Amino acid sequence: MPVTPADGWLLKHVEPTEDLLPATLPVGTSSTRRVLLRTWVTANPGDALEVTARAQITNDTGKIIGVGYALWAYDVDLAPEIPVAQQPETWTQMAPHLAENCTPERHHMPLKMDAWWTVPADWPPGHRAMVLYRAAAFRTTPLPGETVRVDEGYGQLVIKRYVPAPQPA
């Protein structure tokens, strides 16, 4: 159902990407998260971001592989002297993690999720929100170098930025 001014929001901008980053996900015993898709949108406190993301993996390992995925956001315009990799405490998880097992019989597994995230009141006006779709593959006894494939042509991340609708006088 589309969001309307009657719901209190106006669509301001749509930012899509289909540029998948990794070709594979390493299979680990814990967090081996990789960014699948990312893009940014300028945001202000009180704006809302509606995010949809999808990708697909192929499991050629012959084993049951768990795959977890989530959406994250961070402020691109924080002090550039702090590398992004050292800023995870400033990242915000936009929606709860999802996870599923991909059996050898299933072989291909779509990963799809969405989120509605309100930009916090302490967000610096005009700063860019980088939205990341991250995933990890895991099992209890992975083999060295074991991976699952991230399938080309199946990834998309779309950010819809909404601003509060003007209130009637």
N, C-alpha and C. Protein backbone atom coordinates (compact mmCIF):
# COMPACT_ATOMS: atom_id res chain seq x y z
N MET A 1 0.85 -1.18 0.00
CA MET A 1 0.00 0.00 0.00
C MET A 1 0.90 1.24 0.00
N PRO A 2 0.68 2.16 -0.92
CA PRO A 2 1.53 3.36 -0.97
C PRO A 2 1.31 4.26 0.24
N VAL A 3 2.38 4.92 0.64
CA VAL A 3 2.31 5.90 1.72
C VAL A 3 1.83 7.21 1.10
N THR A 4 0.91 7.90 1.79
CA THR A 4 0.32 9.12 1.24
C THR A 4 0.42 10.27 2.24
N PRO A 5 0.18 11.50 1.77
CA PRO A 5 0.13 12.62 2.71
C PRO A 5 -0.88 12.40 3.84
N ALA A 6 -1.95 11.66 3.55
CA ALA A 6 -2.94 11.37 4.59
C ALA A 6 -2.31 10.53 5.70
N ASP A 7 -1.27 9.76 5.36
CA ASP A 7 -0.54 8.97 6.35
C ASP A 7 0.49 9.83 7.09
N GLY A 8 0.65 11.07 6.64
CA GLY A 8 1.61 11.97 7.29
C GLY A 8 2.94 12.06 6.60
N TRP A 9 3.09 11.48 5.38
CA TRP A 9 4.37 11.46 4.69
C TRP A 9 4.25 11.85 3.22
N LEU A 10 5.29 12.48 2.72
CA LEU A 10 5.41 12.79 1.29
C LEU A 10 6.69 12.13 0.77
N LEU A 11 6.58 11.44 -0.37
CA LEU A 11 7.76 10.82 -0.97
C LEU A 11 8.65 11.93 -1.53
N LYS A 12 9.90 11.97 -1.09
CA LYS A 12 10.83 13.02 -1.50
C LYS A 12 11.84 12.51 -2.54
N HIS A 13 12.30 11.26 -2.39
CA HIS A 13 13.37 10.77 -3.27
C HIS A 13 13.38 9.25 -3.27
N VAL A 14 13.76 8.66 -4.40
CA VAL A 14 13.95 7.22 -4.50
C VAL A 14 15.37 6.98 -4.98
N GLU A 15 16.10 6.12 -4.28
CA GLU A 15 17.50 5.81 -4.62
C GLU A 15 17.66 4.29 -4.77
N PRO A 16 17.71 3.78 -6.02
CA PRO A 16 17.88 2.34 -6.21
C PRO A 16 19.32 1.99 -6.61
N THR A 17 19.70 0.74 -6.36
CA THR A 17 20.94 0.20 -6.90
C THR A 17 20.77 -1.29 -7.14
N GLU A 18 21.45 -1.79 -8.14
CA GLU A 18 21.49 -3.22 -8.42
C GLU A 18 22.94 -3.70 -8.48
N ASP A 19 23.87 -2.91 -7.96
CA ASP A 19 25.30 -3.22 -8.00
C ASP A 19 25.70 -4.13 -6.84
N LEU A 20 25.62 -5.43 -7.07
CA LEU A 20 26.05 -6.40 -6.06
C LEU A 20 27.56 -6.28 -5.86
N LEU A 21 28.01 -6.36 -4.61
CA LEU A 21 29.43 -6.20 -4.32
C LEU A 21 30.21 -7.51 -4.33
N PRO A 22 29.89 -8.52 -3.49
CA PRO A 22 30.72 -9.73 -3.51
C PRO A 22 30.20 -10.75 -4.52
N ALA A 23 31.08 -11.62 -4.95
CA ALA A 23 30.67 -12.73 -5.80
C ALA A 23 30.35 -13.96 -4.96
N THR A 24 30.92 -14.01 -3.74
CA THR A 24 30.69 -15.15 -2.85
C THR A 24 30.61 -14.68 -1.41
N LEU A 25 30.04 -15.53 -0.57
CA LEU A 25 30.06 -15.35 0.87
C LEU A 25 30.89 -16.47 1.46
N PRO A 26 31.91 -16.17 2.26
CA PRO A 26 32.65 -17.24 2.91
C PRO A 26 31.78 -17.91 3.97
N VAL A 27 31.89 -19.22 4.07
CA VAL A 27 31.14 -19.96 5.09
C VAL A 27 32.01 -20.01 6.34
N GLY A 28 31.47 -19.52 7.45
CA GLY A 28 32.21 -19.48 8.71
C GLY A 28 31.40 -20.12 9.82
N THR A 29 31.95 -20.08 11.02
CA THR A 29 31.23 -20.60 12.18
C THR A 29 30.52 -19.50 12.94
N SER A 30 30.85 -18.28 12.64
CA SER A 30 30.20 -17.14 13.30
C SER A 30 30.04 -16.04 12.26
N SER A 31 30.20 -14.81 12.67
CA SER A 31 29.92 -13.68 11.78
C SER A 31 31.02 -13.49 10.73
N THR A 32 30.65 -13.74 9.51
CA THR A 32 31.51 -13.44 8.36
C THR A 32 30.73 -12.53 7.42
N ARG A 33 30.16 -11.49 7.99
CA ARG A 33 29.27 -10.61 7.23
C ARG A 33 30.00 -9.93 6.08
N ARG A 34 29.27 -9.84 4.97
CA ARG A 34 29.75 -9.11 3.80
C ARG A 34 28.63 -8.18 3.34
N VAL A 35 29.00 -7.04 2.82
CA VAL A 35 28.03 -6.12 2.24
C VAL A 35 27.65 -6.65 0.86
N LEU A 36 26.36 -6.88 0.64
CA LEU A 36 25.87 -7.31 -0.67
C LEU A 36 25.55 -6.12 -1.55
N LEU A 37 24.85 -5.15 -0.98
CA LEU A 37 24.42 -3.96 -1.71
C LEU A 37 24.52 -2.76 -0.79
N ARG A 38 24.78 -1.59 -1.36
CA ARG A 38 24.80 -0.37 -0.56
C ARG A 38 24.53 0.82 -1.46
N THR A 39 23.89 1.80 -0.88
CA THR A 39 23.71 3.10 -1.52
C THR A 39 23.34 4.09 -0.43
N TRP A 40 23.38 5.36 -0.77
CA TRP A 40 23.12 6.37 0.24
C TRP A 40 22.03 7.33 -0.23
N VAL A 41 21.48 8.04 0.75
CA VAL A 41 20.48 9.07 0.49
C VAL A 41 20.67 10.17 1.54
N THR A 42 20.53 11.41 1.12
CA THR A 42 20.59 12.53 2.06
C THR A 42 19.36 12.47 2.95
N ALA A 43 19.55 12.74 4.24
CA ALA A 43 18.44 12.62 5.19
C ALA A 43 18.50 13.73 6.22
N ASN A 44 17.37 14.00 6.82
CA ASN A 44 17.24 14.98 7.89
C ASN A 44 16.53 14.33 9.07
N PRO A 45 16.73 14.87 10.27
CA PRO A 45 16.02 14.32 11.43
C PRO A 45 14.51 14.30 11.17
N GLY A 46 13.89 13.19 11.53
CA GLY A 46 12.44 13.07 11.35
C GLY A 46 12.01 12.53 10.00
N ASP A 47 12.93 12.46 9.00
CA ASP A 47 12.59 11.81 7.75
C ASP A 47 12.39 10.32 8.02
N ALA A 48 11.81 9.62 7.06
CA ALA A 48 11.66 8.17 7.17
C ALA A 48 12.19 7.52 5.91
N LEU A 49 12.89 6.42 6.09
CA LEU A 49 13.40 5.66 4.96
C LEU A 49 12.67 4.32 4.89
N GLU A 50 12.06 4.07 3.75
CA GLU A 50 11.46 2.76 3.47
C GLU A 50 12.46 2.03 2.58
N VAL A 51 12.97 0.91 3.07
CA VAL A 51 14.04 0.20 2.37
C VAL A 51 13.57 -1.20 2.01
N THR A 52 13.79 -1.59 0.77
CA THR A 52 13.57 -2.97 0.34
C THR A 52 14.87 -3.49 -0.25
N ALA A 53 15.17 -4.74 0.04
CA ALA A 53 16.40 -5.33 -0.44
C ALA A 53 16.16 -6.79 -0.82
N ARG A 54 16.88 -7.21 -1.85
CA ARG A 54 16.79 -8.61 -2.22
C ARG A 54 18.10 -9.04 -2.88
N ALA A 55 18.41 -10.30 -2.72
CA ALA A 55 19.56 -10.93 -3.36
C ALA A 55 19.24 -12.42 -3.43
N GLN A 56 20.13 -13.19 -4.03
CA GLN A 56 19.95 -14.63 -4.09
C GLN A 56 21.31 -15.29 -3.96
N ILE A 57 21.35 -16.40 -3.22
CA ILE A 57 22.58 -17.17 -3.12
C ILE A 57 22.34 -18.55 -3.73
N THR A 58 23.44 -19.19 -4.14
CA THR A 58 23.41 -20.57 -4.61
C THR A 58 24.35 -21.38 -3.74
N ASN A 59 23.85 -22.48 -3.20
CA ASN A 59 24.61 -23.36 -2.33
C ASN A 59 25.05 -24.59 -3.12
N ASP A 60 26.32 -24.62 -3.52
CA ASP A 60 26.88 -25.77 -4.22
C ASP A 60 27.75 -26.63 -3.30
N THR A 61 27.66 -26.44 -1.99
CA THR A 61 28.55 -27.12 -1.05
C THR A 61 28.17 -28.58 -0.79
N GLY A 62 26.91 -28.92 -1.04
CA GLY A 62 26.44 -30.25 -0.68
C GLY A 62 26.08 -30.37 0.79
N LYS A 63 26.17 -29.27 1.53
CA LYS A 63 25.88 -29.23 2.97
C LYS A 63 24.76 -28.22 3.24
N ILE A 64 24.16 -28.31 4.42
CA ILE A 64 23.19 -27.30 4.84
C ILE A 64 23.97 -26.07 5.29
N ILE A 65 23.65 -24.93 4.70
CA ILE A 65 24.32 -23.67 5.01
C ILE A 65 23.29 -22.68 5.53
N GLY A 66 23.56 -22.09 6.68
CA GLY A 66 22.71 -21.02 7.20
C GLY A 66 23.15 -19.70 6.60
N VAL A 67 22.18 -18.87 6.29
CA VAL A 67 22.48 -17.54 5.77
C VAL A 67 21.66 -16.53 6.56
N GLY A 68 22.35 -15.57 7.15
CA GLY A 68 21.69 -14.50 7.90
C GLY A 68 21.89 -13.20 7.17
N TYR A 69 20.93 -12.29 7.28
CA TYR A 69 21.02 -11.02 6.56
C TYR A 69 20.27 -9.94 7.32
N ALA A 70 20.70 -8.70 7.11
CA ALA A 70 20.10 -7.56 7.81
C ALA A 70 20.40 -6.27 7.06
N LEU A 71 19.63 -5.24 7.39
CA LEU A 71 19.82 -3.89 6.85
C LEU A 71 20.43 -3.01 7.93
N TRP A 72 21.41 -2.20 7.55
CA TRP A 72 22.11 -1.30 8.46
C TRP A 72 22.20 0.08 7.83
N ALA A 73 22.39 1.09 8.68
CA ALA A 73 22.60 2.46 8.19
C ALA A 73 23.69 3.11 9.03
N TYR A 74 24.44 4.01 8.40
CA TYR A 74 25.39 4.82 9.14
C TYR A 74 25.54 6.17 8.45
N ASP A 75 26.08 7.12 9.17
CA ASP A 75 26.26 8.49 8.69
C ASP A 75 27.55 8.56 7.87
N VAL A 76 27.42 8.75 6.56
CA VAL A 76 28.56 8.83 5.65
C VAL A 76 29.44 10.03 5.98
N ASP A 77 28.84 11.07 6.49
CA ASP A 77 29.54 12.34 6.67
C ASP A 77 30.16 12.53 8.05
N LEU A 78 30.32 11.44 8.81
CA LEU A 78 31.07 11.55 10.06
C LEU A 78 32.51 11.91 9.74
N ALA A 79 33.23 12.32 10.73
CA ALA A 79 34.62 12.74 10.54
C ALA A 79 35.38 11.73 9.68
N PRO A 80 35.91 12.14 8.54
CA PRO A 80 36.57 11.20 7.62
C PRO A 80 37.87 10.60 8.16
N GLU A 81 38.42 11.18 9.24
CA GLU A 81 39.64 10.61 9.80
C GLU A 81 39.38 9.29 10.54
N ILE A 82 38.11 8.94 10.74
CA ILE A 82 37.75 7.67 11.37
C ILE A 82 37.29 6.71 10.28
N PRO A 83 38.07 5.68 9.95
CA PRO A 83 37.65 4.74 8.90
C PRO A 83 36.32 4.09 9.25
N VAL A 84 35.50 3.84 8.22
CA VAL A 84 34.17 3.26 8.41
C VAL A 84 34.25 1.95 9.19
N ALA A 85 35.25 1.13 8.90
CA ALA A 85 35.38 -0.16 9.58
C ALA A 85 35.56 0.00 11.09
N GLN A 86 36.02 1.17 11.54
CA GLN A 86 36.20 1.40 12.97
C GLN A 86 35.01 2.13 13.59
N GLN A 87 33.94 2.29 12.83
CA GLN A 87 32.77 3.00 13.31
C GLN A 87 31.55 2.11 13.56
N PRO A 88 31.68 0.78 13.69
CA PRO A 88 30.46 -0.03 13.77
C PRO A 88 29.55 0.35 14.93
N GLU A 89 30.11 0.93 15.99
CA GLU A 89 29.25 1.34 17.10
C GLU A 89 28.33 2.49 16.70
N THR A 90 28.62 3.14 15.60
CA THR A 90 27.75 4.23 15.12
C THR A 90 26.74 3.72 14.10
N TRP A 91 26.83 2.45 13.71
CA TRP A 91 25.89 1.88 12.76
C TRP A 91 24.58 1.57 13.47
N THR A 92 23.49 1.69 12.74
CA THR A 92 22.17 1.37 13.27
C THR A 92 21.59 0.22 12.47
N GLN A 93 21.15 -0.82 13.18
CA GLN A 93 20.46 -1.90 12.50
C GLN A 93 19.04 -1.44 12.24
N MET A 94 18.62 -1.47 10.99
CA MET A 94 17.33 -0.92 10.59
C MET A 94 16.17 -1.88 10.79
N ALA A 95 16.46 -3.17 10.85
CA ALA A 95 15.43 -4.19 11.03
C ALA A 95 16.10 -5.41 11.65
N PRO A 96 15.34 -6.26 12.33
CA PRO A 96 15.94 -7.46 12.92
C PRO A 96 16.59 -8.35 11.86
N HIS A 97 17.63 -9.07 12.27
CA HIS A 97 18.23 -10.05 11.38
C HIS A 97 17.20 -11.08 10.95
N LEU A 98 17.35 -11.57 9.75
CA LEU A 98 16.61 -12.74 9.29
C LEU A 98 17.63 -13.81 8.97
N ALA A 99 17.26 -15.08 9.09
CA ALA A 99 18.17 -16.16 8.75
C ALA A 99 17.36 -17.38 8.31
N GLU A 100 17.94 -18.12 7.39
CA GLU A 100 17.33 -19.34 6.89
C GLU A 100 18.43 -20.33 6.58
N ASN A 101 18.06 -21.61 6.51
CA ASN A 101 18.98 -22.63 6.06
C ASN A 101 18.73 -22.94 4.60
N CYS A 102 19.81 -23.06 3.85
CA CYS A 102 19.73 -23.45 2.44
C CYS A 102 20.28 -24.86 2.32
N THR A 103 19.40 -25.82 2.07
CA THR A 103 19.80 -27.22 1.94
C THR A 103 20.35 -27.47 0.54
N PRO A 104 21.07 -28.58 0.37
CA PRO A 104 21.52 -28.92 -0.97
C PRO A 104 20.36 -29.10 -1.95
N GLU A 105 19.22 -29.62 -1.45
CA GLU A 105 18.05 -29.81 -2.32
C GLU A 105 17.45 -28.47 -2.74
N ARG A 106 17.46 -27.52 -1.86
CA ARG A 106 16.92 -26.19 -2.19
C ARG A 106 17.83 -25.49 -3.18
N HIS A 107 19.11 -25.53 -2.95
CA HIS A 107 20.17 -25.06 -3.84
C HIS A 107 20.20 -23.53 -4.02
N HIS A 108 19.12 -22.93 -4.49
CA HIS A 108 19.04 -21.47 -4.66
C HIS A 108 18.15 -20.91 -3.55
N MET A 109 18.57 -19.80 -2.95
CA MET A 109 17.76 -19.21 -1.88
C MET A 109 17.68 -17.71 -2.05
N PRO A 110 16.46 -17.18 -2.24
CA PRO A 110 16.30 -15.73 -2.26
C PRO A 110 16.41 -15.16 -0.85
N LEU A 111 17.00 -13.98 -0.75
CA LEU A 111 17.11 -13.24 0.50
C LEU A 111 16.35 -11.94 0.29
N LYS A 112 15.28 -11.73 1.02
CA LYS A 112 14.48 -10.52 0.82
C LYS A 112 14.08 -9.97 2.17
N MET A 113 14.19 -8.66 2.31
CA MET A 113 13.72 -8.01 3.53
C MET A 113 13.39 -6.56 3.26
N ASP A 114 12.68 -5.98 4.21
CA ASP A 114 12.36 -4.56 4.11
C ASP A 114 12.35 -3.95 5.51
N ALA A 115 12.38 -2.63 5.53
CA ALA A 115 12.41 -1.91 6.80
C ALA A 115 11.83 -0.52 6.61
N TRP A 116 11.28 0.00 7.69
CA TRP A 116 10.85 1.40 7.80
C TRP A 116 11.68 1.96 8.94
N TRP A 117 12.49 2.97 8.66
CA TRP A 117 13.40 3.52 9.66
C TRP A 117 13.22 5.03 9.73
N THR A 118 12.93 5.53 10.91
CA THR A 118 12.82 6.98 11.11
C THR A 118 14.19 7.52 11.48
N VAL A 119 14.63 8.53 10.75
CA VAL A 119 15.93 9.15 11.00
C VAL A 119 15.88 9.79 12.38
N PRO A 120 16.85 9.48 13.26
CA PRO A 120 16.79 9.96 14.64
C PRO A 120 16.88 11.48 14.75
N ALA A 121 16.37 12.00 15.84
CA ALA A 121 16.34 13.45 16.08
C ALA A 121 17.74 14.05 16.17
N ASP A 122 18.75 13.25 16.55
CA ASP A 122 20.10 13.80 16.67
C ASP A 122 20.92 13.66 15.38
N TRP A 123 20.27 13.22 14.29
CA TRP A 123 20.95 13.11 12.99
C TRP A 123 21.30 14.52 12.49
N PRO A 124 22.54 14.77 12.07
CA PRO A 124 22.88 16.09 11.55
C PRO A 124 22.13 16.38 10.24
N PRO A 125 21.41 17.48 10.16
CA PRO A 125 20.64 17.79 8.95
C PRO A 125 21.53 17.77 7.70
N GLY A 126 21.01 17.11 6.65
CA GLY A 126 21.71 17.07 5.37
C GLY A 126 22.80 16.02 5.27
N HIS A 127 23.07 15.29 6.35
CA HIS A 127 24.08 14.22 6.26
C HIS A 127 23.51 13.05 5.45
N ARG A 128 24.40 12.31 4.82
CA ARG A 128 23.99 11.17 4.00
C ARG A 128 23.92 9.90 4.84
N ALA A 129 22.82 9.18 4.67
CA ALA A 129 22.66 7.88 5.32
C ALA A 129 23.07 6.81 4.32
N MET A 130 24.14 6.07 4.64
CA MET A 130 24.53 4.92 3.82
C MET A 130 23.74 3.72 4.33
N VAL A 131 23.02 3.08 3.43
CA VAL A 131 22.23 1.90 3.78
C VAL A 131 22.94 0.68 3.21
N LEU A 132 23.15 -0.31 4.07
CA LEU A 132 23.88 -1.53 3.71
C LEU A 132 22.98 -2.74 3.85
N TYR A 133 23.00 -3.62 2.88
CA TYR A 133 22.35 -4.93 2.96
C TYR A 133 23.49 -5.93 3.13
N ARG A 134 23.57 -6.52 4.33
CA ARG A 134 24.69 -7.40 4.66
C ARG A 134 24.19 -8.82 4.89
N ALA A 135 25.07 -9.78 4.58
CA ALA A 135 24.73 -11.18 4.77
C ALA A 135 25.95 -11.95 5.25
N ALA A 136 25.68 -13.10 5.86
CA ALA A 136 26.74 -14.01 6.32
C ALA A 136 26.27 -15.44 6.09
N ALA A 137 27.21 -16.31 5.74
CA ALA A 137 26.93 -17.73 5.58
C ALA A 137 27.67 -18.49 6.67
N PHE A 138 27.05 -19.54 7.22
CA PHE A 138 27.68 -20.23 8.33
C PHE A 138 27.18 -21.65 8.46
N ARG A 139 28.01 -22.47 9.09
CA ARG A 139 27.63 -23.80 9.55
C ARG A 139 28.62 -24.19 10.64
N THR A 140 28.31 -25.24 11.38
CA THR A 140 29.12 -25.56 12.57
C THR A 140 30.52 -26.04 12.22
N THR A 141 30.72 -26.69 11.10
CA THR A 141 32.05 -27.20 10.73
C THR A 141 32.37 -26.84 9.28
N PRO A 142 32.63 -25.56 9.01
CA PRO A 142 32.93 -25.19 7.62
C PRO A 142 34.30 -25.72 7.19
N LEU A 143 34.42 -25.95 5.90
CA LEU A 143 35.70 -26.36 5.33
C LEU A 143 36.50 -25.12 4.94
N PRO A 144 37.80 -25.18 4.99
CA PRO A 144 38.61 -24.02 4.57
C PRO A 144 38.27 -23.62 3.14
N GLY A 145 38.02 -22.34 2.93
CA GLY A 145 37.72 -21.83 1.60
C GLY A 145 36.30 -22.07 1.11
N GLU A 146 35.45 -22.64 1.95
CA GLU A 146 34.08 -22.95 1.54
C GLU A 146 33.28 -21.65 1.36
N THR A 147 32.51 -21.57 0.28
CA THR A 147 31.72 -20.37 0.00
C THR A 147 30.36 -20.76 -0.59
N VAL A 148 29.45 -19.80 -0.54
CA VAL A 148 28.22 -19.87 -1.33
C VAL A 148 28.26 -18.69 -2.30
N ARG A 149 27.68 -18.89 -3.45
CA ARG A 149 27.70 -17.86 -4.50
C ARG A 149 26.58 -16.85 -4.31
N VAL A 150 26.92 -15.58 -4.48
CA VAL A 150 25.92 -14.51 -4.55
C VAL A 150 25.63 -14.33 -6.04
N ASP A 151 24.39 -14.61 -6.44
CA ASP A 151 24.04 -14.67 -7.85
C ASP A 151 23.89 -13.29 -8.50
N GLU A 152 24.61 -13.11 -9.58
CA GLU A 152 24.50 -11.87 -10.37
C GLU A 152 23.09 -11.75 -10.93
N GLY A 153 22.61 -10.52 -11.04
CA GLY A 153 21.32 -10.27 -11.66
C GLY A 153 20.12 -10.42 -10.75
N TYR A 154 20.35 -10.77 -9.47
CA TYR A 154 19.24 -10.97 -8.55
C TYR A 154 19.22 -9.96 -7.40
N GLY A 155 20.12 -8.99 -7.41
CA GLY A 155 20.21 -8.07 -6.30
C GLY A 155 19.59 -6.71 -6.58
N GLN A 156 18.94 -6.16 -5.57
CA GLN A 156 18.39 -4.81 -5.68
C GLN A 156 18.19 -4.24 -4.28
N LEU A 157 18.55 -2.99 -4.15
CA LEU A 157 18.33 -2.24 -2.90
C LEU A 157 17.66 -0.93 -3.31
N VAL A 158 16.51 -0.65 -2.71
CA VAL A 158 15.77 0.58 -3.03
C VAL A 158 15.48 1.31 -1.73
N ILE A 159 15.86 2.58 -1.70
CA ILE A 159 15.56 3.45 -0.56
C ILE A 159 14.55 4.49 -1.02
N LYS A 160 13.43 4.57 -0.32
CA LYS A 160 12.45 5.64 -0.55
C LYS A 160 12.53 6.57 0.65
N ARG A 161 12.85 7.82 0.39
CA ARG A 161 12.96 8.81 1.48
C ARG A 161 11.65 9.60 1.54
N TYR A 162 11.05 9.59 2.73
CA TYR A 162 9.82 10.34 2.96
C TYR A 162 10.11 11.49 3.93
N VAL A 163 9.41 12.57 3.72
CA VAL A 163 9.48 13.70 4.64
C VAL A 163 8.10 13.89 5.25
N PRO A 164 8.05 14.45 6.47
CA PRO A 164 6.73 14.67 7.07
C PRO A 164 5.88 15.60 6.19
N ALA A 165 4.62 15.22 6.01
CA ALA A 165 3.70 16.06 5.24
C ALA A 165 3.37 17.32 6.04
N PRO A 166 3.21 18.45 5.34
CA PRO A 166 2.81 19.67 6.06
C PRO A 166 1.48 19.46 6.79
N GLN A 167 1.40 19.98 7.98
CA GLN A 167 0.18 19.88 8.75
C GLN A 167 -0.78 21.00 8.35
N PRO A 168 -2.07 20.69 8.22
CA PRO A 168 -3.03 21.74 7.87
C PRO A 168 -3.06 22.83 8.94
N ALA A 169 -3.21 24.05 8.47
CA ALA A 169 -3.21 25.20 9.40
C ALA A 169 -4.53 25.31 10.11
